[in-house]
């Protein structure tokens, strides 16, 4: 078993040339030619692997065929750590490398029921960046699509355009540092949804609605720092999930106002946490982030105010009893002349 530590960043397709020209990316060592990866994800007809947050995938990579089993992990800010087992694919499932007993039992129990659920096909460009001694990071630019064909014959597709930073050696913090540096010049957005999760959402035709606060996972044994981290990362997921959904709308008028509202809710929750946990946090950390979050939330204040103005004042207005067009035109002329 290996543990994959990666940070996934979404970006608009128009930003790809700028990404490739970025000094850090351009200077990174190329790892061979770009490859087209064809992936098929399997589950039972009742999606029993999804229910247990396990993904089974086969991949064609040039002449090589691989089988991969992954267990889901909570992703925050695009950063995730998940166990995975990879072996050669010979045409039959081989789950013998899976050394987690619960996962192995689940897979063996449903082996004969597994059917293709969705596919992904994307082009991957891979580079290796060694920013300092003992730190090695793979930069993978993926462009393509997730494709679904339901049992009813309905076809759906979603674009893939993302940068994956995978840690070969070093600390998870090194991935975050690199992402922050790149984001100073590029429109990068942390992406918490894996390709598998996106495929399932497409298969189930799950609407991308506003993301509300998660149920708390605090436990009595957590210390103060663990409690703050868990609650704060939940707020970050709510914030970034709503921002990503809003940005995914091609037409600004199509953005659900509730996405902006829930984004601001996440900001308020984070600021409240900073105030409550301030005695246990470094003073500079709490002060700096409180100011940043305040300023960021204010950027969305006007949008929320306009939404409330429309919903509570304009929308209830009915045309009955209003002046006719000619009278309104005359009134406007009077106002302009005043």
C-alpha atoms as a PDB file:
ATOM      1  CA  UNK A   1       0.000   0.000   0.000  1.00  0.00           C
ATOM      2  CA  UNK A   2       1.148   3.509  -0.740  1.00  0.00           C
ATOM      3  CA  UNK A   3      -0.213   6.805   0.522  1.00  0.00           C
ATOM      4  CA  UNK A   4      -0.775   9.380  -2.190  1.00  0.00           C
ATOM      5  CA  UNK A   5      -0.361  12.978  -1.039  1.00  0.00           C
ATOM      6  CA  UNK A   6      -1.533  15.437  -3.656  1.00  0.00           C
ATOM      7  CA  UNK A   7      -3.001  18.887  -4.088  1.00  0.00           C
ATOM      8  CA  UNK A   8      -5.477  19.399  -6.898  1.00  0.00           C
ATOM      9  CA  UNK A   9      -6.010  22.829  -8.486  1.00  0.00           C
ATOM     10  CA  UNK A  10      -8.630  23.653 -11.104  1.00  0.00           C
ATOM     11  CA  UNK A  11      -8.055  26.349 -13.707  1.00  0.00           C
ATOM     12  CA  UNK A  12      -9.845  27.668 -16.801  1.00  0.00           C
ATOM     13  CA  UNK A  13      -8.627  26.246 -20.091  1.00  0.00           C
ATOM     14  CA  UNK A  14      -7.680  29.716 -21.299  1.00  0.00           C
ATOM     15  CA  UNK A  15      -5.050  29.875 -18.513  1.00  0.00           C
ATOM     16  CA  UNK A  16      -3.122  26.796 -19.724  1.00  0.00           C
ATOM     17  CA  UNK A  17      -0.593  28.730 -21.870  1.00  0.00           C
ATOM     18  CA  UNK A  18       0.220  31.012 -18.919  1.00  0.00           C
ATOM     19  CA  UNK A  19       0.618  27.970 -16.646  1.00  0.00           C
ATOM     20  CA  UNK A  20       3.077  26.323 -19.029  1.00  0.00           C
ATOM     21  CA  UNK A  21       5.036  29.594 -19.348  1.00  0.00           C
ATOM     22  CA  UNK A  22       5.257  30.168 -15.603  1.00  0.00           C
ATOM     23  CA  UNK A  23       8.965  30.206 -14.605  1.00  0.00           C
ATOM     24  CA  UNK A  24       8.581  27.405 -12.053  1.00  0.00           C
ATOM     25  CA  UNK A  25       6.701  25.153 -14.462  1.00  0.00           C
ATOM     26  CA  UNK A  26       8.892  25.935 -17.458  1.00  0.00           C
ATOM     27  CA  UNK A  27      12.054  25.206 -15.445  1.00  0.00           C
ATOM     28  CA  UNK A  28      10.773  21.878 -14.094  1.00  0.00           C
ATOM     29  CA  UNK A  29      12.184  18.694 -15.632  1.00  0.00           C
ATOM     30  CA  UNK A  30       9.915  17.083 -18.249  1.00  0.00           C
ATOM     31  CA  UNK A  31       9.046  13.474 -17.417  1.00  0.00           C
ATOM     32  CA  UNK A  32       8.731  12.034 -20.904  1.00  0.00           C
ATOM     33  CA  UNK A  33       6.116  12.903 -23.489  1.00  0.00           C
ATOM     34  CA  UNK A  34       2.526  13.772 -22.702  1.00  0.00           C
ATOM     35  CA  UNK A  35       0.310  10.687 -22.398  1.00  0.00           C
ATOM     36  CA  UNK A  36      -3.386  10.068 -23.015  1.00  0.00           C
ATOM     37  CA  UNK A  37      -4.908   8.192 -20.074  1.00  0.00           C
ATOM     38  CA  UNK A  38      -8.108   6.174 -20.563  1.00  0.00           C
ATOM     39  CA  UNK A  39      -9.730   5.226 -17.264  1.00  0.00           C
ATOM     40  CA  UNK A  40     -12.786   3.127 -16.439  1.00  0.00           C
ATOM     41  CA  UNK A  41     -14.339   3.204 -12.975  1.00  0.00           C
ATOM     42  CA  UNK A  42     -16.239   0.177 -11.692  1.00  0.00           C
ATOM     43  CA  UNK A  43     -18.925  -0.309  -9.065  1.00  0.00           C
ATOM     44  CA  UNK A  44     -21.930  -2.510  -8.378  1.00  0.00           C
ATOM     45  CA  UNK A  45     -25.308  -1.563  -9.903  1.00  0.00           C
ATOM     46  CA  UNK A  46     -26.301  -0.281  -6.432  1.00  0.00           C
ATOM     47  CA  UNK A  47     -23.024   1.691  -6.088  1.00  0.00           C
ATOM     48  CA  UNK A  48     -21.986  -0.202  -2.973  1.00  0.00           C
ATOM     49  CA  UNK A  49     -18.309   0.755  -3.359  1.00  0.00           C
ATOM     50  CA  UNK A  50     -19.217   4.429  -3.516  1.00  0.00           C
ATOM     51  CA  UNK A  51     -21.238   4.006  -0.324  1.00  0.00           C
ATOM     52  CA  UNK A  52     -18.043   2.816   1.400  1.00  0.00           C
ATOM     53  CA  UNK A  53     -15.910   5.506  -0.292  1.00  0.00           C
ATOM     54  CA  UNK A  54     -13.837   3.018  -2.266  1.00  0.00           C
ATOM     55  CA  UNK A  55     -12.953   3.459  -5.951  1.00  0.00           C
ATOM     56  CA  UNK A  56     -11.820   0.754  -8.383  1.00  0.00           C
ATOM     57  CA  UNK A  57     -10.278   1.921 -11.636  1.00  0.00           C
ATOM     58  CA  UNK A  58      -8.508   0.451 -14.632  1.00  0.00           C
ATOM     59  CA  UNK A  59      -6.192   2.644 -16.682  1.00  0.00           C
ATOM     60  CA  UNK A  60      -4.718   2.340 -20.145  1.00  0.00           C
ATOM     61  CA  UNK A  61      -1.484   4.291 -20.277  1.00  0.00           C
ATOM     62  CA  UNK A  62       0.112   3.745 -23.657  1.00  0.00           C
ATOM     63  CA  UNK A  63       0.664  -0.017 -23.841  1.00  0.00           C
ATOM     64  CA  UNK A  64       0.424  -0.443 -20.093  1.00  0.00           C
ATOM     65  CA  UNK A  65      -2.769  -1.487 -18.290  1.00  0.00           C
ATOM     66  CA  UNK A  66      -3.126  -0.875 -14.548  1.00  0.00           C
ATOM     67  CA  UNK A  67      -5.708  -1.580 -11.860  1.00  0.00           C
ATOM     68  CA  UNK A  68      -5.952   0.852  -8.937  1.00  0.00           C
ATOM     69  CA  UNK A  69      -7.966   0.738  -5.731  1.00  0.00           C
ATOM     70  CA  UNK A  70      -8.319   3.976  -3.769  1.00  0.00           C
ATOM     71  CA  UNK A  71      -9.997   4.812  -0.481  1.00  0.00           C
ATOM     72  CA  UNK A  72     -11.473   8.270  -0.182  1.00  0.00           C
ATOM     73  CA  UNK A  73     -10.050  10.809   2.240  1.00  0.00           C
ATOM     74  CA  UNK A  74     -11.340  14.202   3.316  1.00  0.00           C
ATOM     75  CA  UNK A  75      -9.885  16.891   1.068  1.00  0.00           C
ATOM     76  CA  UNK A  76      -9.431  20.459   2.300  1.00  0.00           C
ATOM     77  CA  UNK A  77      -8.057  23.257   0.195  1.00  0.00           C
ATOM     78  CA  UNK A  78      -7.475  20.723  -2.577  1.00  0.00           C
ATOM     79  CA  UNK A  79      -5.011  18.762  -0.393  1.00  0.00           C
ATOM     80  CA  UNK A  80      -5.733  15.076   0.183  1.00  0.00           C
ATOM     81  CA  UNK A  81      -3.949  12.007   1.529  1.00  0.00           C
ATOM     82  CA  UNK A  82      -5.408   8.631   0.582  1.00  0.00           C
ATOM     83  CA  UNK A  83      -4.265   5.003   0.563  1.00  0.00           C
ATOM     84  CA  UNK A  84      -4.048   3.287  -2.817  1.00  0.00           C
ATOM     85  CA  UNK A  85      -3.090  -0.107  -4.208  1.00  0.00           C
ATOM     86  CA  UNK A  86      -1.905  -0.457  -7.794  1.00  0.00           C
ATOM     87  CA  UNK A  87      -1.177  -3.598  -9.797  1.00  0.00           C
ATOM     88  CA  UNK A  88      -1.072  -4.747 -13.419  1.00  0.00           C
ATOM     89  CA  UNK A  89      -4.467  -5.291 -15.071  1.00  0.00           C
ATOM     90  CA  UNK A  90      -4.735  -8.599 -16.904  1.00  0.00           C
ATOM     91  CA  UNK A  91      -8.440  -8.546 -17.688  1.00  0.00           C
ATOM     92  CA  UNK A  92      -9.577  -9.917 -14.301  1.00  0.00           C
ATOM     93  CA  UNK A  93      -9.725  -8.103 -10.986  1.00  0.00           C
ATOM     94  CA  UNK A  94      -6.878  -8.899  -8.611  1.00  0.00           C
ATOM     95  CA  UNK A  95      -7.439  -7.542  -5.117  1.00  0.00           C
ATOM     96  CA  UNK A  96      -4.653  -9.523  -3.453  1.00  0.00           C
ATOM     97  CA  UNK A  97      -2.418  -6.404  -2.994  1.00  0.00           C
ATOM     98  CA  UNK A  98      -5.121  -4.711  -0.874  1.00  0.00           C
ATOM     99  CA  UNK A  99      -3.839  -5.184   2.674  1.00  0.00           C
ATOM    100  CA  UNK A 100      -6.596  -3.296   4.472  1.00  0.00           C
ATOM    101  CA  UNK A 101      -8.883  -6.099   5.740  1.00  0.00           C
ATOM    102  CA  UNK A 102     -12.181  -4.192   5.572  1.00  0.00           C
ATOM    103  CA  UNK A 103     -11.502  -2.906   2.046  1.00  0.00           C
ATOM    104  CA  UNK A 104     -10.331  -6.332   0.855  1.00  0.00           C
ATOM    105  CA  UNK A 105     -13.483  -8.020   2.193  1.00  0.00           C
ATOM    106  CA  UNK A 106     -15.694  -5.425   0.540  1.00  0.00           C
ATOM    107  CA  UNK A 107     -14.014  -5.890  -2.837  1.00  0.00           C
ATOM    108  CA  UNK A 108     -14.049  -9.693  -2.724  1.00  0.00           C
ATOM    109  CA  UNK A 109     -17.704  -9.714  -1.672  1.00  0.00           C
ATOM    110  CA  UNK A 110     -18.731  -7.670  -4.716  1.00  0.00           C
ATOM    111  CA  UNK A 111     -16.116  -8.845  -7.232  1.00  0.00           C
ATOM    112  CA  UNK A 112     -18.630 -10.597  -9.522  1.00  0.00           C
ATOM    113  CA  UNK A 113     -21.038  -7.636  -9.487  1.00  0.00           C
ATOM    114  CA  UNK A 114     -18.625  -4.957 -10.687  1.00  0.00           C
ATOM    115  CA  UNK A 115     -19.615  -3.151 -13.878  1.00  0.00           C
ATOM    116  CA  UNK A 116     -18.318  -0.005 -15.639  1.00  0.00           C
ATOM    117  CA  UNK A 117     -20.003   3.133 -14.318  1.00  0.00           C
ATOM    118  CA  UNK A 118     -18.146   6.018 -15.993  1.00  0.00           C
ATOM    119  CA  UNK A 119     -14.923   6.810 -17.813  1.00  0.00           C
ATOM    120  CA  UNK A 120     -12.379   9.591 -17.931  1.00  0.00           C
ATOM    121  CA  UNK A 121     -10.069  10.403 -20.800  1.00  0.00           C
ATOM    122  CA  UNK A 122      -7.447  13.094 -20.473  1.00  0.00           C
ATOM    123  CA  UNK A 123      -4.031  14.158 -21.681  1.00  0.00           C
ATOM    124  CA  UNK A 124      -1.402  14.368 -18.951  1.00  0.00           C
ATOM    125  CA  UNK A 125       1.777  16.426 -19.083  1.00  0.00           C
ATOM    126  CA  UNK A 126       4.153  15.572 -16.224  1.00  0.00           C
ATOM    127  CA  UNK A 127       7.100  17.568 -14.881  1.00  0.00           C
ATOM    128  CA  UNK A 128       9.266  17.173 -11.788  1.00  0.00           C
ATOM    129  CA  UNK A 129      10.134  20.178  -9.662  1.00  0.00           C
ATOM    130  CA  UNK A 130      12.906  20.035  -7.056  1.00  0.00           C
ATOM    131  CA  UNK A 131      12.642  23.416  -5.326  1.00  0.00           C
ATOM    132  CA  UNK A 132      15.166  22.458  -2.637  1.00  0.00           C
ATOM    133  CA  UNK A 133      17.112  19.494  -1.337  1.00  0.00           C
ATOM    134  CA  UNK A 134      14.896  16.623  -0.114  1.00  0.00           C
ATOM    135  CA  UNK A 135      11.798  18.052  -1.804  1.00  0.00           C
ATOM    136  CA  UNK A 136      10.473  16.592  -5.063  1.00  0.00           C
ATOM    137  CA  UNK A 137       7.049  17.398  -6.505  1.00  0.00           C
ATOM    138  CA  UNK A 138       5.373  16.095  -9.641  1.00  0.00           C
ATOM    139  CA  UNK A 139       3.393  18.693 -11.591  1.00  0.00           C
ATOM    140  CA  UNK A 140       0.720  17.041 -13.729  1.00  0.00           C
ATOM    141  CA  UNK A 141      -1.436  19.062 -16.131  1.00  0.00           C
ATOM    142  CA  UNK A 142      -4.596  17.114 -17.008  1.00  0.00           C
ATOM    143  CA  UNK A 143      -6.978  18.181 -19.794  1.00  0.00           C
ATOM    144  CA  UNK A 144      -9.881  16.067 -21.013  1.00  0.00           C
ATOM    145  CA  UNK A 145     -13.329  14.983 -19.844  1.00  0.00           C
ATOM    146  CA  UNK A 146     -15.380  12.746 -17.574  1.00  0.00           C
ATOM    147  CA  UNK A 147     -17.952  10.790 -19.607  1.00  0.00           C
ATOM    148  CA  UNK A 148     -21.047   8.943 -18.413  1.00  0.00           C
ATOM    149  CA  UNK A 149     -23.571   6.802 -20.244  1.00  0.00           C
ATOM    150  CA  UNK A 150     -26.441   5.829 -17.914  1.00  0.00           C
ATOM    151  CA  UNK A 151     -28.357   2.519 -18.138  1.00  0.00           C
ATOM    152  CA  UNK A 152     -31.120   4.551 -19.811  1.00  0.00           C
ATOM    153  CA  UNK A 153     -28.730   5.601 -22.589  1.00  0.00           C
ATOM    154  CA  UNK A 154     -28.367   9.197 -21.394  1.00  0.00           C
ATOM    155  CA  UNK A 155     -24.894  10.623 -22.027  1.00  0.00           C
ATOM    156  CA  UNK A 156     -23.299  13.348 -19.929  1.00  0.00           C
ATOM    157  CA  UNK A 157     -19.846  14.918 -20.011  1.00  0.00           C
ATOM    158  CA  UNK A 158     -17.844  17.301 -17.831  1.00  0.00           C
ATOM    159  CA  UNK A 159     -14.543  18.985 -18.635  1.00  0.00           C
ATOM    160  CA  UNK A 160     -11.294  18.181 -16.856  1.00  0.00           C
ATOM    161  CA  UNK A 161      -8.756  20.998 -16.653  1.00  0.00           C
ATOM    162  CA  UNK A 162      -6.574  20.835 -13.593  1.00  0.00           C
ATOM    163  CA  UNK A 163      -3.095  20.864 -12.169  1.00  0.00           C
ATOM    164  CA  UNK A 164      -2.178  18.099  -9.734  1.00  0.00           C
ATOM    165  CA  UNK A 165       0.797  18.530  -7.429  1.00  0.00           C
ATOM    166  CA  UNK A 166       1.923  15.152  -6.101  1.00  0.00           C
ATOM    167  CA  UNK A 167       4.486  14.834  -3.338  1.00  0.00           C
ATOM    168  CA  UNK A 168       7.366  12.451  -4.079  1.00  0.00           C
ATOM    169  CA  UNK A 169       9.454  13.580  -1.117  1.00  0.00           C
ATOM    170  CA  UNK A 170       9.116  16.366   1.397  1.00  0.00           C
ATOM    171  CA  UNK A 171       6.166  17.633   3.457  1.00  0.00           C
ATOM    172  CA  UNK A 172       2.559  18.377   2.594  1.00  0.00           C
ATOM    173  CA  UNK A 173       3.371  21.995   3.426  1.00  0.00           C
ATOM    174  CA  UNK A 174       5.713  22.041   0.411  1.00  0.00           C
ATOM    175  CA  UNK A 175       2.709  21.421  -1.857  1.00  0.00           C
ATOM    176  CA  UNK A 176       0.807  24.294  -0.258  1.00  0.00           C
ATOM    177  CA  UNK A 177       3.800  26.623  -0.566  1.00  0.00           C
ATOM    178  CA  UNK A 178       4.140  25.827  -4.277  1.00  0.00           C
ATOM    179  CA  UNK A 179       0.403  26.250  -4.867  1.00  0.00           C
ATOM    180  CA  UNK A 180       0.426  29.661  -3.157  1.00  0.00           C
ATOM    181  CA  UNK A 181       3.386  30.783  -5.265  1.00  0.00           C
ATOM    182  CA  UNK A 182       1.710  29.704  -8.513  1.00  0.00           C
ATOM    183  CA  UNK A 183      -1.615  31.277  -7.477  1.00  0.00           C
ATOM    184  CA  UNK A 184       0.018  34.703  -7.251  1.00  0.00           C
ATOM    185  CA  UNK A 185       0.187  34.753 -11.058  1.00  0.00           C
ATOM    186  CA  UNK A 186      -2.434  32.218 -12.181  1.00  0.00           C
ATOM    187  CA  UNK A 187      -6.234  31.780 -11.677  1.00  0.00           C
ATOM    188  CA  UNK A 188      -5.973  28.551  -9.678  1.00  0.00           C
ATOM    189  CA  UNK A 189      -8.783  27.225  -7.481  1.00  0.00           C
ATOM    190  CA  UNK A 190      -8.343  24.395  -4.941  1.00  0.00           C
ATOM    191  CA  UNK A 191     -10.422  21.422  -6.131  1.00  0.00           C
ATOM    192  CA  UNK A 192     -11.620  19.080  -3.393  1.00  0.00           C
ATOM    193  CA  UNK A 193     -13.590  16.779  -5.717  1.00  0.00           C
ATOM    194  CA  UNK A 194     -11.593  13.877  -7.160  1.00  0.00           C
ATOM    195  CA  UNK A 195     -12.216  12.670 -10.715  1.00  0.00           C
ATOM    196  CA  UNK A 196     -14.049   9.677  -9.206  1.00  0.00           C
ATOM    197  CA  UNK A 197     -16.356  11.921  -7.181  1.00  0.00           C
ATOM    198  CA  UNK A 198     -17.053  14.042 -10.244  1.00  0.00           C
ATOM    199  CA  UNK A 199     -17.869  10.920 -12.227  1.00  0.00           C
ATOM    200  CA  UNK A 200     -20.359   9.692  -9.631  1.00  0.00           C
ATOM    201  CA  UNK A 201     -22.026  13.106  -9.480  1.00  0.00           C
ATOM    202  CA  UNK A 202     -22.356  13.086 -13.234  1.00  0.00           C
ATOM    203  CA  UNK A 203     -23.735   9.540 -13.223  1.00  0.00           C
ATOM    204  CA  UNK A 204     -26.320  10.413 -10.565  1.00  0.00           C
ATOM    205  CA  UNK A 205     -26.982  13.809 -12.179  1.00  0.00           C
ATOM    206  CA  UNK A 206     -26.441  15.457  -8.809  1.00  0.00           C
ATOM    207  CA  UNK A 207     -27.042  19.208  -9.071  1.00  0.00           C
ATOM    208  CA  UNK A 208     -24.208  21.468  -7.943  1.00  0.00           C
ATOM    209  CA  UNK A 209     -26.188  23.408  -5.345  1.00  0.00           C
ATOM    210  CA  UNK A 210     -25.017  25.709  -2.571  1.00  0.00           C
ATOM    211  CA  UNK A 211     -22.785  23.985  -0.046  1.00  0.00           C
ATOM    212  CA  UNK A 212     -23.918  24.387   3.550  1.00  0.00           C
ATOM    213  CA  UNK A 213     -22.020  23.795   6.782  1.00  0.00           C
ATOM    214  CA  UNK A 214     -21.045  20.197   7.461  1.00  0.00           C
ATOM    215  CA  UNK A 215     -22.115  18.307  10.545  1.00  0.00           C
ATOM    216  CA  UNK A 216     -19.440  18.677  13.217  1.00  0.00           C
ATOM    217  CA  UNK A 217     -17.102  15.720  13.652  1.00  0.00           C
ATOM    218  CA  UNK A 218     -15.682  16.840  17.002  1.00  0.00           C
ATOM    219  CA  UNK A 219     -15.028  14.087  19.529  1.00  0.00           C
ATOM    220  CA  UNK A 220     -14.520  14.318  23.312  1.00  0.00           C
ATOM    221  CA  UNK A 221     -10.881  13.269  22.993  1.00  0.00           C
ATOM    222  CA  UNK A 222      -9.865  16.123  20.674  1.00  0.00           C
ATOM    223  CA  UNK A 223      -7.552  18.751  22.078  1.00  0.00           C
ATOM    224  CA  UNK A 224      -8.067  22.470  21.429  1.00  0.00           C
ATOM    225  CA  UNK A 225      -5.839  22.627  18.337  1.00  0.00           C
ATOM    226  CA  UNK A 226      -7.429  19.520  16.792  1.00  0.00           C
ATOM    227  CA  UNK A 227     -10.882  20.974  17.432  1.00  0.00           C
ATOM    228  CA  UNK A 228      -9.958  24.286  15.785  1.00  0.00           C
ATOM    229  CA  UNK A 229      -8.339  22.559  12.812  1.00  0.00           C
ATOM    230  CA  UNK A 230     -11.334  20.303  12.174  1.00  0.00           C
ATOM    231  CA  UNK A 231     -13.889  23.105  12.402  1.00  0.00           C
ATOM    232  CA  UNK A 232     -11.768  25.562  10.405  1.00  0.00           C
ATOM    233  CA  UNK A 233     -11.139  23.111   7.563  1.00  0.00           C
ATOM    234  CA  UNK A 234     -14.875  22.432   7.404  1.00  0.00           C
ATOM    235  CA  UNK A 235     -15.390  26.181   6.887  1.00  0.00           C
ATOM    236  CA  UNK A 236     -12.695  26.223   4.200  1.00  0.00           C
ATOM    237  CA  UNK A 237     -14.443  23.390   2.331  1.00  0.00           C
ATOM    238  CA  UNK A 238     -17.753  25.291   2.484  1.00  0.00           C
ATOM    239  CA  UNK A 239     -16.069  28.494   1.302  1.00  0.00           C
ATOM    240  CA  UNK A 240     -14.156  26.948  -1.576  1.00  0.00           C
ATOM    241  CA  UNK A 241     -16.964  24.605  -2.628  1.00  0.00           C
ATOM    242  CA  UNK A 242     -19.350  27.511  -3.118  1.00  0.00           C
ATOM    243  CA  UNK A 243     -16.702  29.593  -4.865  1.00  0.00           C
ATOM    244  CA  UNK A 244     -15.920  26.718  -7.255  1.00  0.00           C
ATOM    245  CA  UNK A 245     -19.608  26.152  -8.062  1.00  0.00           C
ATOM    246  CA  UNK A 246     -20.118  29.839  -8.759  1.00  0.00           C
ATOM    247  CA  UNK A 247     -17.035  30.080 -10.984  1.00  0.00           C
ATOM    248  CA  UNK A 248     -18.130  26.988 -12.942  1.00  0.00           C
ATOM    249  CA  UNK A 249     -21.117  28.934 -14.302  1.00  0.00           C
ATOM    250  CA  UNK A 250     -20.214  30.358 -17.693  1.00  0.00           C
ATOM    251  CA  UNK A 251     -22.854  33.092 -17.366  1.00  0.00           C
ATOM    252  CA  UNK A 252     -22.553  35.301 -14.247  1.00  0.00           C
ATOM    253  CA  UNK A 253     -26.332  35.730 -14.254  1.00  0.00           C
ATOM    254  CA  UNK A 254     -26.675  31.954 -13.827  1.00  0.00           C
ATOM    255  CA  UNK A 255     -24.863  31.942 -10.472  1.00  0.00           C
ATOM    256  CA  UNK A 256     -27.149  30.847  -7.652  1.00  0.00           C
ATOM    257  CA  UNK A 257     -27.286  33.740  -5.129  1.00  0.00           C
ATOM    258  CA  UNK A 258     -27.267  31.126  -2.371  1.00  0.00           C
ATOM    259  CA  UNK A 259     -23.687  30.225  -3.373  1.00  0.00           C
ATOM    260  CA  UNK A 260     -22.599  33.782  -2.523  1.00  0.00           C
ATOM    261  CA  UNK A 261     -24.642  33.732   0.681  1.00  0.00           C
ATOM    262  CA  UNK A 262     -23.131  30.432   1.861  1.00  0.00           C
ATOM    263  CA  UNK A 263     -19.651  31.638   0.910  1.00  0.00           C
ATOM    264  CA  UNK A 264     -20.147  34.632   3.232  1.00  0.00           C
ATOM    265  CA  UNK A 265     -21.550  32.315   5.919  1.00  0.00           C
ATOM    266  CA  UNK A 266     -18.307  30.303   5.748  1.00  0.00           C
ATOM    267  CA  UNK A 267     -16.299  33.513   6.201  1.00  0.00           C
ATOM    268  CA  UNK A 268     -18.347  34.502   9.255  1.00  0.00           C
ATOM    269  CA  UNK A 269     -17.949  31.028  10.766  1.00  0.00           C
ATOM    270  CA  UNK A 270     -14.178  31.186  10.283  1.00  0.00           C
ATOM    271  CA  UNK A 271     -13.957  34.618  11.901  1.00  0.00           C
ATOM    272  CA  UNK A 272     -16.084  33.409  14.825  1.00  0.00           C
ATOM    273  CA  UNK A 273     -13.755  30.426  15.280  1.00  0.00           C
ATOM    274  CA  UNK A 274     -10.709  32.702  15.283  1.00  0.00           C
ATOM    275  CA  UNK A 275     -12.312  34.788  18.032  1.00  0.00           C
ATOM    276  CA  UNK A 276     -13.368  31.786  20.144  1.00  0.00           C
ATOM    277  CA  UNK A 277     -10.041  29.931  19.834  1.00  0.00           C
ATOM    278  CA  UNK A 278      -7.815  33.052  19.935  1.00  0.00           C
ATOM    279  CA  UNK A 279      -6.333  32.230  23.367  1.00  0.00           C
ATOM    280  CA  UNK A 280      -4.996  28.932  21.963  1.00  0.00           C
ATOM    281  CA  UNK A 281      -3.719  30.364  18.675  1.00  0.00           C
ATOM    282  CA  UNK A 282      -0.625  32.424  17.846  1.00  0.00           C
ATOM    283  CA  UNK A 283      -1.614  36.089  18.187  1.00  0.00           C
ATOM    284  CA  UNK A 284      -0.240  37.088  14.793  1.00  0.00           C
ATOM    285  CA  UNK A 285      -2.045  34.183  13.088  1.00  0.00           C
ATOM    286  CA  UNK A 286      -5.455  35.077  14.519  1.00  0.00           C
ATOM    287  CA  UNK A 287      -5.053  38.803  13.829  1.00  0.00           C
ATOM    288  CA  UNK A 288      -3.784  38.384  10.272  1.00  0.00           C
ATOM    289  CA  UNK A 289      -6.460  35.922   9.204  1.00  0.00           C
ATOM    290  CA  UNK A 290      -9.277  37.831  10.864  1.00  0.00           C
ATOM    291  CA  UNK A 291      -8.350  40.906   8.800  1.00  0.00           C
ATOM    292  CA  UNK A 292      -7.960  38.902   5.585  1.00  0.00           C
ATOM    293  CA  UNK A 293     -11.303  37.180   6.027  1.00  0.00           C
ATOM    294  CA  UNK A 294     -13.027  40.465   6.856  1.00  0.00           C
ATOM    295  CA  UNK A 295     -11.686  42.113   3.708  1.00  0.00           C
ATOM    296  CA  UNK A 296     -12.522  39.109   1.551  1.00  0.00           C
ATOM    297  CA  UNK A 297     -16.092  38.907   2.889  1.00  0.00           C
ATOM    298  CA  UNK A 298     -16.625  42.621   2.202  1.00  0.00           C
ATOM    299  CA  UNK A 299     -15.915  41.999  -1.484  1.00  0.00           C
ATOM    300  CA  UNK A 300     -19.102  39.946  -1.667  1.00  0.00           C
ATOM    301  CA  UNK A 301     -21.232  42.245   0.474  1.00  0.00           C
ATOM    302  CA  UNK A 302     -22.653  44.285  -2.413  1.00  0.00           C
ATOM    303  CA  UNK A 303     -23.634  41.131  -4.324  1.00  0.00           C
ATOM    304  CA  UNK A 304     -25.529  39.802  -1.305  1.00  0.00           C
ATOM    305  CA  UNK A 305     -27.213  43.184  -0.678  1.00  0.00           C
ATOM    306  CA  UNK A 306     -28.395  43.330  -4.292  1.00  0.00           C
ATOM    307  CA  UNK A 307     -29.788  39.808  -4.014  1.00  0.00           C
ATOM    308  CA  UNK A 308     -31.764  40.721  -0.881  1.00  0.00           C
ATOM    309  CA  UNK A 309     -32.958  43.954  -2.532  1.00  0.00           C
ATOM    310  CA  UNK A 310     -34.224  41.977  -5.531  1.00  0.00           C
ATOM    311  CA  UNK A 311     -35.821  39.183  -3.515  1.00  0.00           C
ATOM    312  CA  UNK A 312     -37.507  41.319  -0.858  1.00  0.00           C
ATOM    313  CA  UNK A 313     -38.325  44.553  -2.686  1.00  0.00           C
ATOM    314  CA  UNK A 314     -38.378  44.080  -6.457  1.00  0.00           C
ATOM    315  CA  UNK A 315     -39.629  40.518  -6.906  1.00  0.00           C
ATOM    316  CA  UNK A 316     -42.864  41.021  -4.916  1.00  0.00           C
ATOM    317  CA  UNK A 317     -43.837  44.010  -7.071  1.00  0.00           C
ATOM    318  CA  UNK A 318     -46.693  43.255  -9.507  1.00  0.00           C
ATOM    319  CA  UNK A 319     -47.545  45.278 -12.640  1.00  0.00           C
ATOM    320  CA  UNK A 320     -51.162  45.768 -11.605  1.00  0.00           C
ATOM    321  CA  UNK A 321     -51.898  49.379 -10.698  1.00  0.00           C
ATOM    322  CA  UNK A 322     -48.677  50.775 -12.158  1.00  0.00           C
ATOM    323  CA  UNK A 323     -48.763  53.636 -14.638  1.00  0.00           C
ATOM    324  CA  UNK A 324     -48.903  52.793 -18.328  1.00  0.00           C
ATOM    325  CA  UNK A 325     -45.843  53.129 -20.557  1.00  0.00           C
ATOM    326  CA  UNK A 326     -46.739  56.612 -21.820  1.00  0.00           C
ATOM    327  CA  UNK A 327     -47.274  57.929 -18.297  1.00  0.00           C
ATOM    328  CA  UNK A 328     -44.016  56.396 -17.100  1.00  0.00           C
ATOM    329  CA  UNK A 329     -42.145  58.007 -19.990  1.00  0.00           C
ATOM    330  CA  UNK A 330     -43.613  61.381 -19.097  1.00  0.00           C
ATOM    331  CA  UNK A 331     -42.644  60.876 -15.449  1.00  0.00           C
ATOM    332  CA  UNK A 332     -39.078  60.040 -16.425  1.00  0.00           C
ATOM    333  CA  UNK A 333     -38.830  63.186 -18.539  1.00  0.00           C
ATOM    334  CA  UNK A 334     -40.057  65.244 -15.600  1.00  0.00           C
ATOM    335  CA  UNK A 335     -37.449  63.674 -13.323  1.00  0.00           C
ATOM    336  CA  UNK A 336     -34.641  64.286 -15.819  1.00  0.00           C
ATOM    337  CA  UNK A 337     -35.667  67.919 -16.226  1.00  0.00           C
ATOM    338  CA  UNK A 338     -35.848  68.545 -12.467  1.00  0.00           C
END
